Amino acid sequence: MLGQVGASLGRWGRRVDANDISPALTVNQRSTGDIIDLQDGGVSVFKAADGGAITVGGAISVADDVLFKLGTDGDQVLLNKSAGLAADTALAGVLIGTVESQAIAVNSLMIANATSNGDIALYTNKGGHSQMGLWLDGSAGDSALLAASGASVDHYIAGVKELDHATGAFAFQVATVISGLSSIAAFAVDEQTVTFVAKDAVGGSQTVAQITGAATVANSRFDINKSGTITPSQNAAYNIGSSALRYSSIFVRDIDLFVSLVIGAGCLFKGLNQTDPGVPTTTQFPADKDWGIYKNTTSGVVSLVYNDGGVIKTVALA
């Protein structure tokens, strides 16, 4: 090999200085040996093996704001964004089109799929079998946490498990407050015990709960809890019966009151505190089998009331 060191020719070269359109250096391995082996003190630090496999024996540093691309077309990108990035901001070769994103701080790691509709997925090998743990579905726009059959998706805060989500079970592991719910449009239950809890200040007017539709599973149970006084505005109907029901139970709790009611099939629990300045009529208890506690605000008499096929029957409570 001829090289140039200073002005001398014929010695091993230390520099390749090309000035044409051809590659400055071509190494062509015609047999099965390594293509190139760069060594430091006799130790290989960069090797290109026969077939093209690359082995690096030291750290690889990529400068700030330089795209580290994967794929022939740069389908995926890793980037250290040294200056950070504002929310919903496009970034050439990384964030494409109309971006939906939060702002990120300086020197943030960005991982992006620059190719339209491509997915990003994380996998682990469990006992010799690969399973997906995270799936970002580029075509649908969905994000999914996944667990194998028999496993669960768990949520930890400060090293403590807060939530365990397994097949058919969503279990809080510590006392938990759920807030910000304005309404529940639908709640489907199959052979489970369901507890609805709502509370407000004593004497307040917040609706306690409302259960509609007939239960279809025998031995269904609904618990309704409230601190304070149930006011007339909360006399919603609680349908807890059906022809297929062997029995249902409803428990209404107040600060100084515990009432346990076992209701037969098809019965409707009308409310705890019906009041009007007169005797009870079908106005307060319009449907067959409607019943409840009623107070005549004129006479002060409190009665147990039952609609028996359109005939109102009462029993005064002493």
Protein backbone atom coordinates (compact mmCIF):
# COMPACT_ATOMS: atom_id res chain seq x y z
CA MET A 1 0.00 0.00 0.00
CA LEU A 2 1.35 3.37 -0.97
CA GLY A 3 0.66 6.33 1.23
CA GLN A 4 2.08 9.72 2.00
CA VAL A 5 3.70 10.82 5.24
CA GLY A 6 5.15 14.26 4.85
CA ALA A 7 6.96 14.31 1.51
CA SER A 8 7.98 10.64 1.55
CA LEU A 9 6.36 7.96 -0.60
CA GLY A 10 6.21 4.20 -0.12
CA ARG A 11 5.42 4.10 3.59
CA TRP A 12 2.09 3.19 5.29
CA GLY A 13 -0.26 6.12 4.88
CA ARG A 14 -1.94 7.97 7.75
CA ARG A 15 -4.31 10.04 5.66
CA VAL A 16 -6.50 9.60 2.62
CA ASP A 17 -6.86 12.85 0.72
CA ALA A 18 -9.10 12.37 -2.31
CA ASN A 19 -10.21 14.98 -4.79
CA ASP A 20 -12.50 13.29 -7.30
CA ILE A 21 -16.03 11.82 -7.59
CA SER A 22 -15.05 8.30 -6.51
CA PRO A 23 -15.16 7.06 -2.90
CA ALA A 24 -12.16 8.22 -0.91
CA LEU A 25 -11.73 4.70 0.51
CA THR A 26 -13.10 1.35 -0.56
CA VAL A 27 -12.40 -1.82 1.41
CA ASN A 28 -13.47 -4.93 -0.47
CA GLN A 29 -13.32 -8.23 1.45
CA ARG A 30 -13.32 -11.01 -1.14
CA SER A 31 -13.31 -13.89 1.36
CA THR A 32 -14.97 -14.56 4.74
CA GLY A 33 -12.81 -12.43 7.00
CA ASP A 34 -13.92 -9.21 8.68
CA ILE A 35 -14.25 -6.29 6.33
CA ILE A 36 -12.60 -3.92 8.77
CA ASP A 37 -11.42 -4.07 12.37
CA LEU A 38 -10.47 -0.85 14.13
CA GLN A 39 -8.49 -1.43 17.29
CA ASP A 40 -7.32 0.61 20.25
CA GLY A 41 -4.28 -0.89 21.94
CA GLY A 42 -4.98 -4.20 20.32
CA VAL A 43 -8.64 -4.23 21.43
CA SER A 44 -11.32 -4.12 18.76
CA VAL A 45 -13.54 -1.03 19.11
CA PHE A 46 -15.28 -1.09 15.72
CA LYS A 47 -15.67 -4.12 13.55
CA ALA A 48 -17.49 -4.69 10.28
CA ALA A 49 -17.80 -8.46 9.95
CA ASP A 50 -18.26 -10.47 6.80
CA GLY A 51 -21.84 -9.88 5.68
CA GLY A 52 -21.98 -6.36 7.15
CA ALA A 53 -22.76 -6.91 10.85
CA ILE A 54 -21.34 -4.02 12.89
CA THR A 55 -19.93 -4.42 16.42
CA VAL A 56 -19.02 -1.35 18.46
CA GLY A 57 -16.93 -1.67 21.59
CA GLY A 58 -17.48 1.82 23.02
CA ALA A 59 -20.10 4.50 23.52
CA ILE A 60 -21.82 6.01 20.48
CA SER A 61 -22.47 9.73 20.76
CA VAL A 62 -24.88 11.57 18.50
CA ALA A 63 -24.68 15.36 18.65
CA ASP A 64 -27.59 17.55 19.76
CA ASP A 65 -30.40 17.98 17.25
CA VAL A 66 -29.00 15.33 14.88
CA LEU A 67 -31.59 12.81 13.68
CA PHE A 68 -30.75 9.16 14.41
CA LYS A 69 -32.82 7.42 11.75
CA LEU A 70 -33.97 3.82 11.44
CA GLY A 71 -35.00 2.28 8.15
CA THR A 72 -33.90 2.93 4.58
CA ASP A 73 -36.34 5.84 4.32
CA GLY A 74 -35.84 7.12 7.88
CA ASP A 75 -39.17 5.67 9.03
CA GLN A 76 -38.35 6.05 12.73
CA VAL A 77 -36.34 8.78 14.40
CA LEU A 78 -34.54 9.30 17.72
CA LEU A 79 -33.59 12.85 18.61
CA ASN A 80 -32.17 14.84 21.50
CA LYS A 81 -34.01 18.18 21.14
CA SER A 82 -31.61 20.48 22.89
CA ALA A 83 -33.81 23.59 22.86
CA GLY A 84 -37.09 21.86 23.70
CA LEU A 85 -40.19 22.29 21.56
CA ALA A 86 -43.47 24.17 21.91
CA ALA A 87 -46.81 22.37 21.91
CA ASP A 88 -48.38 21.35 18.58
CA THR A 89 -45.23 22.28 16.64
CA ALA A 90 -44.08 20.46 13.51
CA LEU A 91 -40.44 19.44 13.23
CA ALA A 92 -38.91 18.45 9.90
CA GLY A 93 -38.34 14.71 9.62
CA VAL A 94 -39.77 14.08 13.10
CA LEU A 95 -43.21 15.59 13.75
CA ILE A 96 -45.28 15.69 10.60
CA GLY A 97 -48.44 17.49 9.44
CA THR A 98 -50.91 18.95 11.95
CA VAL A 99 -49.22 18.01 15.21
CA GLU A 100 -51.04 17.26 18.47
CA SER A 101 -48.46 17.38 21.25
CA GLN A 102 -47.50 18.91 24.57
CA ALA A 103 -44.53 21.21 25.04
CA ILE A 104 -41.29 19.46 25.99
CA ALA A 105 -38.34 20.78 28.00
CA VAL A 106 -34.78 21.35 26.81
CA ASN A 107 -32.65 18.25 26.11
CA SER A 108 -35.71 16.02 25.74
CA LEU A 109 -35.58 12.62 24.06
CA MET A 110 -37.99 12.36 21.14
CA ILE A 111 -39.02 9.03 19.61
CA ALA A 112 -41.14 9.40 16.51
CA ASN A 113 -42.58 7.41 13.65
CA ALA A 114 -42.13 9.69 10.67
CA THR A 115 -43.92 7.36 8.24
CA SER A 116 -47.69 7.81 7.93
CA ASN A 117 -49.86 5.21 9.73
CA GLY A 118 -46.91 3.21 11.07
CA ASP A 119 -47.18 1.75 14.58
CA ILE A 120 -44.82 1.91 17.55
CA ALA A 121 -44.71 -1.16 19.78
CA LEU A 122 -42.78 -2.42 22.80
CA TYR A 123 -42.36 -6.16 23.42
CA THR A 124 -40.91 -8.36 26.12
CA ASN A 125 -39.91 -12.02 26.17
CA LYS A 126 -41.82 -13.84 28.89
CA GLY A 127 -40.59 -17.38 29.41
CA GLY A 128 -39.50 -17.75 25.81
CA HIS A 129 -42.59 -16.16 24.31
CA SER A 130 -42.82 -12.58 23.04
CA GLN A 131 -45.71 -10.42 24.14
CA MET A 132 -46.66 -6.84 23.40
CA GLY A 133 -46.75 -4.40 26.30
CA LEU A 134 -47.33 -1.06 24.56
CA TRP A 135 -49.00 -0.40 21.24
CA LEU A 136 -49.32 3.00 19.59
CA ASP A 137 -51.61 2.38 16.62
CA GLY A 138 -50.69 4.94 13.97
CA SER A 139 -53.59 4.21 11.63
CA ALA A 140 -56.35 4.27 14.27
CA GLY A 141 -54.73 6.81 16.60
CA ASP A 142 -55.28 4.54 19.62
CA SER A 143 -52.82 3.90 22.45
CA ALA A 144 -52.93 0.58 24.28
CA LEU A 145 -51.31 -0.97 27.34
CA LEU A 146 -51.41 -4.75 27.03
CA ALA A 147 -50.90 -7.77 29.26
CA ALA A 148 -50.78 -11.45 28.40
CA SER A 149 -53.57 -13.84 29.40
CA GLY A 150 -53.54 -14.30 33.17
CA ALA A 151 -51.49 -11.13 33.76
CA SER A 152 -52.59 -7.58 34.63
CA VAL A 153 -51.88 -3.94 33.87
CA ASP A 154 -50.80 -2.26 37.11
CA HIS A 155 -50.43 1.40 38.06
CA TYR A 156 -47.80 2.43 40.62
CA ILE A 157 -47.15 5.77 42.31
CA ALA A 158 -44.05 6.22 44.51
CA GLY A 159 -43.47 2.46 44.43
CA VAL A 160 -46.97 1.63 45.69
CA LYS A 161 -49.49 -0.24 43.54
CA GLU A 162 -52.58 1.95 43.17
CA LEU A 163 -54.58 0.01 40.60
CA ASP A 164 -54.66 -3.59 39.37
CA HIS A 165 -56.49 -4.19 36.10
CA ALA A 166 -56.86 -7.88 35.26
CA THR A 167 -59.36 -9.70 33.05
CA GLY A 168 -62.83 -8.79 34.33
CA ALA A 169 -61.46 -7.02 37.40
CA PHE A 170 -60.61 -3.36 37.99
CA ALA A 171 -59.32 -3.22 41.58
CA PHE A 172 -58.10 -0.19 43.49
CA GLN A 173 -55.40 -1.27 45.95
CA VAL A 174 -55.60 1.77 48.25
CA ALA A 175 -58.37 4.14 49.36
CA THR A 176 -59.17 6.17 46.25
CA VAL A 177 -61.23 9.29 45.55
CA ILE A 178 -62.77 9.51 42.08
CA SER A 179 -63.75 13.08 41.22
CA GLY A 180 -64.87 15.07 38.22
CA LEU A 181 -67.76 12.78 37.24
CA SER A 182 -70.84 14.80 36.27
CA SER A 183 -72.96 11.85 35.15
CA ILE A 184 -72.89 8.19 34.22
CA ALA A 185 -74.86 7.53 31.05
CA ALA A 186 -74.86 3.75 31.33
CA PHE A 187 -73.66 1.10 33.74
CA ALA A 188 -73.99 -2.52 32.62
CA VAL A 189 -73.64 -5.22 35.26
CA ASP A 190 -73.74 -8.99 34.98
CA GLU A 191 -73.86 -11.10 38.14
CA GLN A 192 -71.94 -8.59 40.21
CA THR A 193 -72.52 -6.55 43.38
CA VAL A 194 -72.55 -2.86 42.50
CA THR A 195 -72.29 0.00 44.96
CA PHE A 196 -73.33 3.52 43.98
CA VAL A 197 -72.11 6.15 46.45
CA ALA A 198 -72.87 9.88 46.38
CA LYS A 199 -72.79 12.36 49.24
CA ASP A 200 -73.12 16.06 49.85
CA ALA A 201 -73.51 18.43 52.79
CA VAL A 202 -76.15 17.75 55.42
CA GLY A 203 -79.49 18.92 54.10
CA GLY A 204 -78.10 19.44 50.61
CA SER A 205 -80.03 18.78 47.42
CA GLN A 206 -77.52 16.78 45.38
CA THR A 207 -79.10 13.71 43.78
CA VAL A 208 -78.13 10.58 45.67
CA ALA A 209 -78.40 8.02 42.86
CA GLN A 210 -80.79 6.78 40.22
CA ILE A 211 -80.98 3.19 39.07
CA THR A 212 -83.18 2.62 36.02
CA GLY A 213 -84.12 -0.48 34.07
CA ALA A 214 -85.04 -3.86 35.46
CA ALA A 215 -82.35 -6.11 36.88
CA THR A 216 -81.94 -9.34 34.94
CA VAL A 217 -79.79 -11.36 37.33
CA ALA A 218 -81.17 -13.03 40.43
CA ASN A 219 -79.85 -11.85 43.78
CA SER A 220 -78.75 -8.45 42.46
CA ARG A 221 -77.92 -5.89 45.10
CA PHE A 222 -77.63 -2.12 44.95
CA ASP A 223 -76.29 0.00 47.82
CA ILE A 224 -77.16 3.70 47.95
CA ASN A 225 -75.27 5.79 50.48
CA LYS A 226 -75.63 9.42 51.46
CA SER A 227 -74.49 11.61 54.33
CA GLY A 228 -77.05 14.18 55.35
CA THR A 229 -80.78 14.37 54.74
CA ILE A 230 -82.54 13.09 51.64
CA THR A 231 -84.65 15.98 50.41
CA PRO A 232 -87.84 15.90 48.28
CA SER A 233 -85.84 16.76 45.17
CA GLN A 234 -84.13 13.40 45.50
CA ASN A 235 -87.26 11.23 45.24
CA ALA A 236 -86.10 9.50 42.07
CA ALA A 237 -87.39 6.06 41.27
CA TYR A 238 -85.16 3.05 41.91
CA ASN A 239 -86.24 0.10 39.77
CA ILE A 240 -84.61 -2.93 41.35
CA GLY A 241 -86.92 -5.73 40.31
CA SER A 242 -87.90 -7.89 37.37
CA SER A 243 -89.86 -11.05 36.70
CA ALA A 244 -86.64 -13.06 36.58
CA LEU A 245 -85.49 -11.84 39.98
CA ARG A 246 -85.61 -14.12 43.03
CA TYR A 247 -84.93 -11.18 45.29
CA SER A 248 -83.19 -7.82 45.36
CA SER A 249 -81.98 -5.78 48.26
CA ILE A 250 -81.45 -2.06 48.60
CA PHE A 251 -79.73 -0.36 51.51
CA VAL A 252 -80.22 3.34 52.18
CA ARG A 253 -77.86 4.88 54.70
CA ASP A 254 -78.08 8.27 56.35
CA ILE A 255 -76.16 9.70 59.32
CA ASP A 256 -78.74 8.59 61.89
CA LEU A 257 -80.70 6.10 59.82
CA PHE A 258 -80.14 2.57 58.58
CA VAL A 259 -83.00 0.96 56.68
CA SER A 260 -82.78 -2.47 55.05
CA LEU A 261 -85.47 -3.23 52.47
CA VAL A 262 -85.96 -6.58 50.73
CA ILE A 263 -88.18 -6.03 47.70
CA GLY A 264 -89.99 -8.64 45.63
CA ALA A 265 -89.85 -9.02 41.88
CA GLY A 266 -91.15 -6.05 39.90
CA CYS A 267 -91.37 -3.71 42.91
CA LEU A 268 -90.43 -0.05 42.57
CA PHE A 269 -88.86 1.86 45.43
CA LYS A 270 -90.34 5.33 45.17
CA GLY A 271 -88.47 7.33 47.79
CA LEU A 272 -87.89 7.90 51.48
CA ASN A 273 -89.37 11.33 51.97
CA GLN A 274 -92.55 12.14 50.06
CA THR A 275 -94.25 15.23 51.54
CA ASP A 276 -97.33 17.23 50.59
CA PRO A 277 -100.04 19.23 52.45
CA GLY A 278 -102.66 16.52 52.08
CA VAL A 279 -103.34 12.80 52.05
CA PRO A 280 -101.23 10.67 49.70
CA THR A 281 -102.70 10.00 46.27
CA THR A 282 -101.68 8.51 42.96
CA THR A 283 -100.01 11.84 42.23
CA GLN A 284 -97.19 10.91 44.58
CA PHE A 285 -97.44 7.15 43.99
CA PRO A 286 -98.75 6.77 40.42
CA ALA A 287 -97.78 3.22 39.48
CA ASP A 288 -98.99 -0.12 40.76
CA LYS A 289 -96.78 -1.34 43.63
CA ASP A 290 -95.27 2.11 44.20
CA TRP A 291 -94.65 2.57 47.90
CA GLY A 292 -92.74 4.71 50.34
CA ILE A 293 -92.82 6.92 53.43
CA TYR A 294 -95.13 9.91 53.22
CA LYS A 295 -95.60 12.92 55.48
CA ASN A 296 -98.73 15.08 55.46
CA THR A 297 -97.25 18.51 56.12
CA THR A 298 -100.63 19.87 57.23
CA SER A 299 -101.49 17.25 59.83
CA GLY A 300 -97.96 16.10 60.54
CA VAL A 301 -99.00 12.45 60.12
CA VAL A 302 -96.31 10.15 58.72
CA SER A 303 -97.56 7.06 56.87
CA LEU A 304 -96.36 3.99 55.05
CA VAL A 305 -98.03 4.18 51.62
CA TYR A 306 -98.65 1.46 49.01
CA ASN A 307 -100.34 1.66 45.59
CA ASP A 308 -102.40 -1.53 45.30
CA GLY A 309 -103.55 -1.60 41.67
CA GLY A 310 -104.42 2.11 41.70
CA VAL A 311 -105.85 2.09 45.24
CA ILE A 312 -103.72 4.00 47.73
CA LYS A 313 -103.41 2.21 51.07
CA THR A 314 -101.81 3.82 54.09
CA VAL A 315 -100.66 2.86 57.57
CA ALA A 316 -99.98 5.72 60.00
CA LEU A 317 -96.66 5.44 61.80
CA ALA A 318 -96.70 6.26 65.50
